[in-house]
Every structure is written in structure tokens, then in C-alpha cells.
Amino acid sequence: MNRHFTKEDMRPTNMKRSSSSLVIREMQIQTTMRYHLMPVRMLIIKKSGNNRCWRRSGEIGKLLHCWWECKLVQPLWKTVWRFLKDLEAEVPFDSTIPLLGIYPKDYKSFYYKDTCTHMFIVTLFTIAKTWNQPKCPSMIDCTGKMWHIYTMEYYAAIKRVSSCLLPGH
């Protein structure tokens, strides 16, 4: 992920108002940074001498490897991209999109952006949930979590609409 970001890239200009999706994304990032200690950091903390991937892929377990590059995580990401392709959301296979939420400047479809963001959050959650298992995370877990997020989004939207329709508001 050798990429340099301009001040414009880091400015939150796309966030016009807070939404439940934004809150979910923020919670996911905070959870990831607090509770998923990569093997390299654990080596320093415990001085165990083992900085290899916990999924036993044999690679050095840096953060990018744990979330994106590991050969046991890649099939899940490829499945997610296959689903997005079926939805006709042509998103480049790039780690900065799901991990940092930065889409290419030429990506114009905001309709698919919400769908992609939800799928990426669910995939990251599934990877974090199964971080110490030497197997590929299951797409079944992703699907169940996706239904949960969409249900919560649906009811949050209904609540917003009904509160706007109440007299005196």
C-alpha cells in the first residue's frame, strides 16, 4: 500500500451529516485498532520471538498482511469482489478501498458506495472475529452480519422518517 495522501484526500468533505453507517464504520475502526494486535506488535510486547501470521501462513504478520495479503484471507476478499461485480459495482481490487474507505477519484457511483462500505465493514468484522483460526473466514458469517446491518439501517431509516412526520417537529 505504497500510497501518499494529500490534505484533500484526508479532509472529511464527503461527510455531510452523521449516519448510522458512519457510526458503524467508526466503531469498526476503533475495535480493529484496539483489539487486533498484529503479530509484530505482540512480538515486541511478549518478546516471544515469533512475528509470523497467526493464521499460520508463514508470512510476517504486519497489519496489511493480517487484513488483506494473507493467503487465507484473500479468498474472502475475492468473493466479496465477485458479489460486487454481480451487483455491477465496478470497484478496483485495491486494499485502500476496504481498509481506509478511500475510493478512486473517478469512481462516480455513490449508490454502490454505501453497499460496498457495508460489505467491507462486514468482511473486516468477520476477519477480526476469526483472526486466530488457521482457515479462511466463512462467507456465511459475512452474510448473516450483512443482514443484521441492513436490518438496523432499515429500522433506523423508518425511525428517522417517522420522527420527521410527527406534528410539531
N, C-alpha and C. Protein backbone atom coordinates (compact mmCIF):
# COMPACT_ATOMS: atom_id res chain seq x y z
N MET A 1 0.83 -1.17 0.00
CA MET A 1 0.00 0.00 0.00
C MET A 1 0.88 1.23 0.00
N ASN A 2 1.79 1.31 -0.91
CA ASN A 2 2.68 2.46 -1.03
C ASN A 2 1.93 3.59 -1.69
N ARG A 3 1.23 4.36 -0.89
CA ARG A 3 0.41 5.44 -1.43
C ARG A 3 0.55 6.65 -0.52
N HIS A 4 0.70 7.81 -1.11
CA HIS A 4 0.80 9.05 -0.35
C HIS A 4 -0.52 9.79 -0.49
N PHE A 5 -0.98 10.37 0.60
CA PHE A 5 -2.26 11.05 0.62
C PHE A 5 -2.07 12.55 0.73
N THR A 6 -2.83 13.29 -0.06
CA THR A 6 -2.80 14.74 0.01
C THR A 6 -3.70 15.20 1.14
N LYS A 7 -3.62 16.49 1.48
CA LYS A 7 -4.51 17.03 2.50
C LYS A 7 -5.96 16.93 2.07
N GLU A 8 -6.18 17.05 0.77
CA GLU A 8 -7.55 16.93 0.24
C GLU A 8 -8.10 15.52 0.44
N ASP A 9 -7.24 14.51 0.29
CA ASP A 9 -7.67 13.13 0.49
C ASP A 9 -8.06 12.87 1.94
N MET A 10 -7.39 13.52 2.87
CA MET A 10 -7.64 13.28 4.28
C MET A 10 -8.74 14.15 4.86
N ARG A 11 -9.20 15.13 4.14
CA ARG A 11 -10.23 16.04 4.62
C ARG A 11 -11.60 15.35 4.55
N PRO A 12 -12.39 15.43 5.61
CA PRO A 12 -13.69 14.76 5.62
C PRO A 12 -14.77 15.55 4.89
N THR A 13 -14.54 15.93 3.64
CA THR A 13 -15.52 16.73 2.90
C THR A 13 -16.72 15.93 2.45
N ASN A 14 -16.56 14.62 2.35
CA ASN A 14 -17.67 13.79 1.90
C ASN A 14 -18.69 13.51 3.00
N MET A 15 -18.34 13.82 4.24
CA MET A 15 -19.24 13.55 5.35
C MET A 15 -20.11 14.77 5.61
N LYS A 16 -21.27 14.82 4.98
CA LYS A 16 -22.15 15.97 5.14
C LYS A 16 -22.93 15.91 6.44
N ARG A 17 -23.31 14.69 6.84
CA ARG A 17 -24.00 14.54 8.11
C ARG A 17 -23.70 13.16 8.65
N SER A 18 -23.85 12.99 9.92
CA SER A 18 -23.58 11.71 10.54
C SER A 18 -24.69 10.73 10.22
N SER A 19 -24.32 9.51 9.95
CA SER A 19 -25.31 8.48 9.67
C SER A 19 -24.97 7.26 10.49
N SER A 20 -25.92 6.32 10.53
CA SER A 20 -25.65 5.11 11.28
C SER A 20 -24.52 4.32 10.63
N SER A 21 -24.39 4.41 9.30
CA SER A 21 -23.29 3.72 8.61
C SER A 21 -21.94 4.29 9.04
N LEU A 22 -21.88 5.59 9.18
CA LEU A 22 -20.65 6.24 9.61
C LEU A 22 -20.29 5.83 11.03
N VAL A 23 -21.30 5.74 11.88
CA VAL A 23 -21.07 5.31 13.26
C VAL A 23 -20.57 3.88 13.29
N ILE A 24 -21.19 3.01 12.48
CA ILE A 24 -20.76 1.61 12.41
C ILE A 24 -19.32 1.54 11.93
N ARG A 25 -18.97 2.29 10.91
CA ARG A 25 -17.61 2.29 10.36
C ARG A 25 -16.61 2.77 11.41
N GLU A 26 -16.95 3.83 12.13
CA GLU A 26 -16.06 4.35 13.16
C GLU A 26 -15.85 3.32 14.27
N MET A 27 -16.93 2.65 14.68
CA MET A 27 -16.81 1.62 15.71
C MET A 27 -15.92 0.49 15.24
N GLN A 28 -16.05 0.11 13.97
CA GLN A 28 -15.23 -0.98 13.43
C GLN A 28 -13.76 -0.61 13.43
N ILE A 29 -13.44 0.61 13.03
CA ILE A 29 -12.04 1.04 13.01
C ILE A 29 -11.48 1.08 14.43
N GLN A 30 -12.25 1.61 15.38
CA GLN A 30 -11.78 1.66 16.76
C GLN A 30 -11.56 0.26 17.32
N THR A 31 -12.49 -0.65 17.05
CA THR A 31 -12.36 -2.02 17.52
C THR A 31 -11.12 -2.67 16.92
N THR A 32 -10.93 -2.47 15.64
CA THR A 32 -9.78 -3.04 14.95
C THR A 32 -8.48 -2.55 15.56
N MET A 33 -8.37 -1.27 15.77
CA MET A 33 -7.12 -0.71 16.28
C MET A 33 -6.87 -1.08 17.74
N ARG A 34 -7.93 -1.24 18.52
CA ARG A 34 -7.75 -1.55 19.94
C ARG A 34 -7.50 -3.03 20.20
N TYR A 35 -8.23 -3.90 19.54
CA TYR A 35 -8.26 -5.30 19.94
C TYR A 35 -7.54 -6.25 19.01
N HIS A 36 -7.18 -5.83 17.84
CA HIS A 36 -6.49 -6.74 16.94
C HIS A 36 -5.01 -6.37 16.92
N LEU A 37 -4.27 -6.95 17.83
CA LEU A 37 -2.83 -6.70 17.87
C LEU A 37 -2.15 -7.61 16.86
N MET A 38 -1.48 -7.03 15.93
CA MET A 38 -0.82 -7.84 14.91
C MET A 38 0.39 -8.54 15.53
N PRO A 39 0.79 -9.66 14.94
CA PRO A 39 1.89 -10.45 15.50
C PRO A 39 3.19 -9.67 15.71
N VAL A 40 3.49 -8.70 14.85
CA VAL A 40 4.72 -7.92 15.02
C VAL A 40 4.66 -7.13 16.33
N ARG A 41 3.50 -6.53 16.65
CA ARG A 41 3.36 -5.80 17.91
C ARG A 41 3.40 -6.74 19.10
N MET A 42 2.79 -7.93 18.96
CA MET A 42 2.80 -8.90 20.05
C MET A 42 4.22 -9.40 20.32
N LEU A 43 5.04 -9.51 19.28
CA LEU A 43 6.43 -9.91 19.44
C LEU A 43 7.15 -8.93 20.36
N ILE A 44 6.92 -7.65 20.14
CA ILE A 44 7.56 -6.62 20.96
C ILE A 44 7.02 -6.67 22.38
N ILE A 45 5.70 -6.85 22.53
CA ILE A 45 5.09 -6.86 23.85
C ILE A 45 5.53 -8.09 24.65
N LYS A 46 5.45 -9.27 24.05
CA LYS A 46 5.73 -10.50 24.78
C LYS A 46 7.16 -11.01 24.60
N LYS A 47 7.88 -10.43 23.66
CA LYS A 47 9.23 -10.87 23.35
C LYS A 47 9.27 -12.38 23.10
N SER A 48 8.26 -12.86 22.35
CA SER A 48 8.13 -14.29 22.11
C SER A 48 9.05 -14.80 21.01
N GLY A 49 9.55 -13.92 20.16
CA GLY A 49 10.40 -14.34 19.07
C GLY A 49 9.63 -14.81 17.85
N ASN A 50 8.32 -14.77 17.89
CA ASN A 50 7.51 -15.22 16.75
C ASN A 50 6.65 -14.08 16.24
N ASN A 51 7.01 -13.57 15.08
CA ASN A 51 6.22 -12.48 14.49
C ASN A 51 5.50 -12.96 13.23
N ARG A 52 5.28 -14.24 13.13
CA ARG A 52 4.62 -14.82 11.96
C ARG A 52 3.10 -14.69 12.07
N CYS A 53 2.46 -14.77 10.93
CA CYS A 53 1.00 -14.65 10.84
C CYS A 53 0.33 -15.70 11.73
N TRP A 54 -0.70 -15.29 12.47
CA TRP A 54 -1.39 -16.20 13.37
C TRP A 54 -2.25 -17.21 12.62
N ARG A 55 -2.50 -16.97 11.37
CA ARG A 55 -3.26 -17.94 10.57
C ARG A 55 -2.32 -19.00 10.00
N ARG A 56 -1.07 -18.96 10.42
CA ARG A 56 -0.04 -19.93 10.05
C ARG A 56 0.26 -19.95 8.55
N SER A 57 0.25 -18.77 7.94
CA SER A 57 0.60 -18.71 6.51
C SER A 57 2.11 -18.65 6.32
N GLY A 58 2.85 -18.41 7.39
CA GLY A 58 4.31 -18.34 7.31
C GLY A 58 4.86 -16.96 7.04
N GLU A 59 4.02 -16.01 6.69
CA GLU A 59 4.45 -14.64 6.40
C GLU A 59 4.60 -13.84 7.69
N ILE A 60 5.31 -12.72 7.60
CA ILE A 60 5.41 -11.81 8.74
C ILE A 60 4.06 -11.13 8.90
N GLY A 61 3.54 -11.14 10.11
CA GLY A 61 2.18 -10.69 10.37
C GLY A 61 2.03 -9.20 10.58
N LYS A 62 2.31 -8.40 9.56
CA LYS A 62 2.08 -6.96 9.65
C LYS A 62 0.60 -6.69 9.45
N LEU A 63 0.18 -5.47 9.77
CA LEU A 63 -1.24 -5.13 9.73
C LEU A 63 -1.84 -5.34 8.34
N LEU A 64 -1.16 -4.89 7.30
CA LEU A 64 -1.68 -5.07 5.95
C LEU A 64 -1.79 -6.55 5.60
N HIS A 65 -0.83 -7.33 6.06
CA HIS A 65 -0.89 -8.77 5.80
C HIS A 65 -2.10 -9.39 6.50
N CYS A 66 -2.31 -9.04 7.77
CA CYS A 66 -3.41 -9.63 8.54
C CYS A 66 -4.77 -9.33 7.93
N TRP A 67 -4.96 -8.14 7.40
CA TRP A 67 -6.26 -7.73 6.87
C TRP A 67 -6.43 -7.99 5.39
N TRP A 68 -5.36 -8.04 4.61
CA TRP A 68 -5.51 -8.05 3.16
C TRP A 68 -4.67 -9.10 2.44
N GLU A 69 -3.40 -9.22 2.76
CA GLU A 69 -2.48 -10.01 1.96
C GLU A 69 -2.43 -11.49 2.29
N CYS A 70 -2.87 -11.89 3.46
CA CYS A 70 -2.78 -13.29 3.89
C CYS A 70 -3.51 -14.20 2.91
N LYS A 71 -2.87 -15.31 2.56
CA LYS A 71 -3.47 -16.21 1.57
C LYS A 71 -4.75 -16.86 2.09
N LEU A 72 -4.97 -16.84 3.40
CA LEU A 72 -6.21 -17.39 3.96
C LEU A 72 -7.32 -16.34 4.04
N VAL A 73 -7.00 -15.09 3.82
CA VAL A 73 -8.00 -14.02 3.83
C VAL A 73 -8.37 -13.61 2.40
N GLN A 74 -7.45 -13.79 1.48
CA GLN A 74 -7.68 -13.39 0.09
C GLN A 74 -8.92 -14.04 -0.55
N PRO A 75 -9.20 -15.34 -0.31
CA PRO A 75 -10.42 -15.90 -0.92
C PRO A 75 -11.70 -15.18 -0.49
N LEU A 76 -11.74 -14.73 0.76
CA LEU A 76 -12.91 -13.99 1.23
C LEU A 76 -13.03 -12.66 0.51
N TRP A 77 -11.91 -11.93 0.36
CA TRP A 77 -11.95 -10.65 -0.36
C TRP A 77 -12.34 -10.86 -1.82
N LYS A 78 -11.84 -11.91 -2.44
CA LYS A 78 -12.19 -12.18 -3.84
C LYS A 78 -13.67 -12.51 -3.98
N THR A 79 -14.24 -13.21 -2.98
CA THR A 79 -15.67 -13.49 -3.00
C THR A 79 -16.48 -12.21 -2.87
N VAL A 80 -16.04 -11.32 -2.00
CA VAL A 80 -16.72 -10.03 -1.84
C VAL A 80 -16.69 -9.27 -3.16
N TRP A 81 -15.54 -9.22 -3.81
CA TRP A 81 -15.44 -8.51 -5.09
C TRP A 81 -16.29 -9.18 -6.18
N ARG A 82 -16.42 -10.50 -6.10
CA ARG A 82 -17.28 -11.20 -7.06
C ARG A 82 -18.74 -10.80 -6.86
N PHE A 83 -19.17 -10.69 -5.59
CA PHE A 83 -20.52 -10.21 -5.29
C PHE A 83 -20.73 -8.79 -5.81
N LEU A 84 -19.74 -7.93 -5.58
CA LEU A 84 -19.86 -6.55 -6.05
C LEU A 84 -19.92 -6.49 -7.57
N LYS A 85 -19.18 -7.36 -8.23
CA LYS A 85 -19.24 -7.40 -9.70
C LYS A 85 -20.61 -7.86 -10.16
N ASP A 86 -21.22 -8.83 -9.45
CA ASP A 86 -22.58 -9.27 -9.78
C ASP A 86 -23.59 -8.15 -9.62
N LEU A 87 -23.31 -7.24 -8.68
CA LEU A 87 -24.18 -6.08 -8.46
C LEU A 87 -23.86 -4.94 -9.42
N GLU A 88 -22.90 -5.17 -10.29
CA GLU A 88 -22.44 -4.18 -11.27
C GLU A 88 -21.78 -2.96 -10.61
N ALA A 89 -21.20 -3.18 -9.45
CA ALA A 89 -20.42 -2.13 -8.78
C ALA A 89 -18.96 -2.38 -9.13
N GLU A 90 -18.49 -1.73 -10.15
CA GLU A 90 -17.13 -1.95 -10.64
C GLU A 90 -16.14 -1.19 -9.75
N VAL A 91 -15.66 -1.87 -8.72
CA VAL A 91 -14.71 -1.28 -7.78
C VAL A 91 -13.36 -1.94 -8.01
N PRO A 92 -12.28 -1.16 -8.14
CA PRO A 92 -10.95 -1.76 -8.33
C PRO A 92 -10.56 -2.61 -7.12
N PHE A 93 -9.86 -3.70 -7.36
CA PHE A 93 -9.39 -4.59 -6.30
C PHE A 93 -8.17 -3.96 -5.66
N ASP A 94 -8.40 -3.06 -4.71
CA ASP A 94 -7.35 -2.26 -4.09
C ASP A 94 -7.59 -2.23 -2.59
N SER A 95 -6.55 -2.45 -1.80
CA SER A 95 -6.70 -2.53 -0.35
C SER A 95 -7.09 -1.21 0.30
N THR A 96 -6.81 -0.08 -0.33
CA THR A 96 -7.15 1.21 0.29
C THR A 96 -8.66 1.43 0.36
N ILE A 97 -9.41 0.78 -0.51
CA ILE A 97 -10.86 0.98 -0.51
C ILE A 97 -11.50 0.34 0.72
N PRO A 98 -11.33 -0.96 0.98
CA PRO A 98 -11.98 -1.52 2.17
C PRO A 98 -11.30 -1.17 3.48
N LEU A 99 -9.98 -1.02 3.47
CA LEU A 99 -9.28 -0.79 4.73
C LEU A 99 -9.32 0.66 5.19
N LEU A 100 -9.26 1.59 4.26
CA LEU A 100 -9.24 3.01 4.62
C LEU A 100 -10.50 3.76 4.20
N GLY A 101 -11.32 3.15 3.37
CA GLY A 101 -12.54 3.80 2.90
C GLY A 101 -12.28 4.89 1.88
N ILE A 102 -11.15 4.81 1.18
CA ILE A 102 -10.80 5.81 0.17
C ILE A 102 -11.06 5.21 -1.20
N TYR A 103 -12.03 5.77 -1.90
CA TYR A 103 -12.39 5.30 -3.24
C TYR A 103 -11.61 6.11 -4.28
N PRO A 104 -11.41 5.55 -5.47
CA PRO A 104 -10.74 6.30 -6.53
C PRO A 104 -11.53 7.56 -6.88
N LYS A 105 -10.82 8.60 -7.29
CA LYS A 105 -11.48 9.86 -7.63
C LYS A 105 -12.44 9.71 -8.80
N ASP A 106 -12.16 8.78 -9.69
CA ASP A 106 -13.03 8.61 -10.86
C ASP A 106 -14.22 7.68 -10.58
N TYR A 107 -14.36 7.20 -9.36
CA TYR A 107 -15.49 6.34 -9.01
C TYR A 107 -16.70 7.22 -8.74
N LYS A 108 -17.67 7.20 -9.62
CA LYS A 108 -18.79 8.14 -9.58
C LYS A 108 -20.05 7.59 -8.92
N SER A 109 -20.16 6.28 -8.77
CA SER A 109 -21.41 5.70 -8.31
C SER A 109 -21.53 5.75 -6.79
N PHE A 110 -22.22 6.78 -6.28
CA PHE A 110 -22.44 6.89 -4.85
C PHE A 110 -23.49 5.89 -4.38
N TYR A 111 -24.34 5.45 -5.30
CA TYR A 111 -25.35 4.45 -4.96
C TYR A 111 -24.68 3.16 -4.48
N TYR A 112 -23.67 2.73 -5.19
CA TYR A 112 -22.98 1.50 -4.82
C TYR A 112 -21.98 1.69 -3.69
N LYS A 113 -21.60 2.92 -3.43
CA LYS A 113 -20.62 3.19 -2.39
C LYS A 113 -21.12 2.72 -1.02
N ASP A 114 -22.39 2.98 -0.71
CA ASP A 114 -22.95 2.52 0.56
C ASP A 114 -22.96 1.01 0.65
N THR A 115 -23.35 0.36 -0.43
CA THR A 115 -23.36 -1.10 -0.45
C THR A 115 -21.95 -1.65 -0.27
N CYS A 116 -21.00 -1.08 -0.97
CA CYS A 116 -19.61 -1.52 -0.85
C CYS A 116 -19.10 -1.32 0.58
N THR A 117 -19.38 -0.17 1.15
CA THR A 117 -18.91 0.13 2.50
C THR A 117 -19.46 -0.88 3.50
N HIS A 118 -20.76 -1.19 3.38
CA HIS A 118 -21.35 -2.19 4.28
C HIS A 118 -20.67 -3.55 4.11
N MET A 119 -20.45 -3.94 2.88
CA MET A 119 -19.81 -5.24 2.65
C MET A 119 -18.38 -5.27 3.19
N PHE A 120 -17.67 -4.16 3.05
CA PHE A 120 -16.30 -4.11 3.55
C PHE A 120 -16.27 -4.17 5.08
N ILE A 121 -17.18 -3.46 5.72
CA ILE A 121 -17.24 -3.48 7.19
C ILE A 121 -17.52 -4.89 7.68
N VAL A 122 -18.48 -5.54 7.06
CA VAL A 122 -18.83 -6.91 7.45
C VAL A 122 -17.64 -7.85 7.24
N THR A 123 -16.95 -7.70 6.14
CA THR A 123 -15.80 -8.55 5.85
C THR A 123 -14.69 -8.32 6.87
N LEU A 124 -14.41 -7.07 7.18
CA LEU A 124 -13.40 -6.76 8.20
C LEU A 124 -13.79 -7.32 9.56
N PHE A 125 -15.07 -7.21 9.89
CA PHE A 125 -15.56 -7.76 11.16
C PHE A 125 -15.35 -9.27 11.19
N THR A 126 -15.66 -9.94 10.10
CA THR A 126 -15.50 -11.40 10.03
C THR A 126 -14.04 -11.80 10.15
N ILE A 127 -13.16 -11.05 9.50
CA ILE A 127 -11.72 -11.34 9.60
C ILE A 127 -11.25 -11.14 11.03
N ALA A 128 -11.70 -10.06 11.69
CA ALA A 128 -11.29 -9.79 13.07
C ALA A 128 -11.82 -10.87 14.01
N LYS A 129 -13.02 -11.34 13.74
CA LYS A 129 -13.65 -12.34 14.60
C LYS A 129 -12.90 -13.68 14.53
N THR A 130 -12.32 -13.97 13.38
CA THR A 130 -11.64 -15.26 13.20
C THR A 130 -10.13 -15.10 13.07
N TRP A 131 -9.55 -14.09 13.70
CA TRP A 131 -8.15 -13.75 13.49
C TRP A 131 -7.19 -14.85 13.87
N ASN A 132 -7.51 -15.69 14.85
CA ASN A 132 -6.55 -16.69 15.29
C ASN A 132 -6.86 -18.10 14.79
N GLN A 133 -7.73 -18.21 13.80
CA GLN A 133 -8.07 -19.52 13.25
C GLN A 133 -7.30 -19.73 11.95
N PRO A 134 -6.65 -20.89 11.82
CA PRO A 134 -5.84 -21.13 10.62
C PRO A 134 -6.68 -21.59 9.42
N LYS A 135 -7.75 -20.86 9.13
CA LYS A 135 -8.61 -21.19 7.99
C LYS A 135 -9.16 -19.91 7.40
N CYS A 136 -9.71 -20.03 6.22
CA CYS A 136 -10.32 -18.88 5.55
C CYS A 136 -11.62 -18.52 6.26
N PRO A 137 -11.84 -17.24 6.57
CA PRO A 137 -13.11 -16.85 7.17
C PRO A 137 -14.28 -17.21 6.25
N SER A 138 -15.41 -17.52 6.85
CA SER A 138 -16.56 -18.00 6.10
C SER A 138 -17.42 -16.87 5.54
N MET A 139 -17.88 -17.06 4.32
CA MET A 139 -18.80 -16.09 3.71
C MET A 139 -20.17 -16.18 4.36
N ILE A 140 -20.48 -17.32 4.99
CA ILE A 140 -21.76 -17.48 5.69
C ILE A 140 -21.82 -16.50 6.86
N ASP A 141 -20.72 -16.35 7.58
CA ASP A 141 -20.67 -15.37 8.68
C ASP A 141 -20.89 -13.96 8.14
N CYS A 142 -20.28 -13.66 7.01
CA CYS A 142 -20.44 -12.34 6.39
C CYS A 142 -21.89 -12.08 6.02
N THR A 143 -22.54 -13.08 5.44
CA THR A 143 -23.93 -12.91 5.00
C THR A 143 -24.85 -12.64 6.18
N GLY A 144 -24.67 -13.39 7.27
CA GLY A 144 -25.50 -13.16 8.46
C GLY A 144 -25.31 -11.77 9.04
N LYS A 145 -24.08 -11.33 9.12
CA LYS A 145 -23.79 -10.00 9.64
C LYS A 145 -24.32 -8.91 8.71
N MET A 146 -24.25 -9.16 7.40
CA MET A 146 -24.77 -8.21 6.42
C MET A 146 -26.28 -8.01 6.61
N TRP A 147 -27.01 -9.10 6.80
CA TRP A 147 -28.45 -9.00 7.04
C TRP A 147 -28.73 -8.20 8.30
N HIS A 148 -27.92 -8.41 9.33
CA HIS A 148 -28.10 -7.66 10.58
C HIS A 148 -27.90 -6.16 10.35
N ILE A 149 -26.84 -5.79 9.65
CA ILE A 149 -26.57 -4.36 9.40
C ILE A 149 -27.68 -3.74 8.55
N TYR A 150 -28.12 -4.44 7.51
CA TYR A 150 -29.19 -3.89 6.66
C TYR A 150 -30.50 -3.75 7.43
N THR A 151 -30.78 -4.71 8.32
CA THR A 151 -31.98 -4.60 9.14
C THR A 151 -31.91 -3.38 10.04
N MET A 152 -30.76 -3.16 10.66
CA MET A 152 -30.59 -1.99 11.53
C MET A 152 -30.69 -0.70 10.73
N GLU A 153 -30.11 -0.66 9.54
CA GLU A 153 -30.21 0.52 8.67
C GLU A 153 -31.66 0.78 8.28
N TYR A 154 -32.40 -0.28 7.97
CA TYR A 154 -33.79 -0.16 7.56
C TYR A 154 -34.63 0.44 8.69
N TYR A 155 -34.48 -0.11 9.90
CA TYR A 155 -35.27 0.40 11.02
C TYR A 155 -34.83 1.81 11.43
N ALA A 156 -33.55 2.12 11.29
CA ALA A 156 -33.08 3.48 11.58
C ALA A 156 -33.69 4.46 10.59
N ALA A 157 -33.81 4.06 9.32
CA ALA A 157 -34.42 4.93 8.30
C ALA A 157 -35.90 5.14 8.59
N ILE A 158 -36.60 4.08 8.98
CA ILE A 158 -38.02 4.19 9.32
C ILE A 158 -38.19 5.13 10.51
N LYS A 159 -37.34 5.00 11.50
CA LYS A 159 -37.42 5.86 12.68
C LYS A 159 -37.18 7.32 12.32
N ARG A 160 -36.20 7.57 11.44
CA ARG A 160 -35.92 8.95 11.01
C ARG A 160 -37.11 9.54 10.27
N VAL A 161 -37.70 8.76 9.37
CA VAL A 161 -38.84 9.25 8.59
C VAL A 161 -40.03 9.50 9.49
N SER A 162 -40.31 8.57 10.40
CA SER A 162 -41.48 8.75 11.27
C SER A 162 -41.29 9.92 12.22
N SER A 163 -40.06 10.18 12.67
CA SER A 163 -39.85 11.33 13.55
C SER A 163 -39.98 12.64 12.79
N CYS A 164 -39.69 12.63 11.49
CA CYS A 164 -39.85 13.84 10.68
C CYS A 164 -41.31 14.12 10.38
N LEU A 165 -42.14 13.08 10.36
CA LEU A 165 -43.55 13.24 10.03
C LEU A 165 -44.42 13.60 11.23
N LEU A 166 -43.87 13.49 12.43
CA LEU A 166 -44.65 13.81 13.62
C LEU A 166 -44.95 15.31 13.67
N PRO A 167 -46.18 15.68 14.06
CA PRO A 167 -46.51 17.11 14.15
C PRO A 167 -45.68 17.80 15.24
N GLY A 168 -45.32 19.03 14.98
CA GLY A 168 -44.57 19.82 15.95
C GLY A 168 -43.06 19.65 15.83
N HIS A 169 -42.59 18.91 14.85
CA HIS A 169 -41.14 18.71 14.69
C HIS A 169 -40.65 19.43 13.49
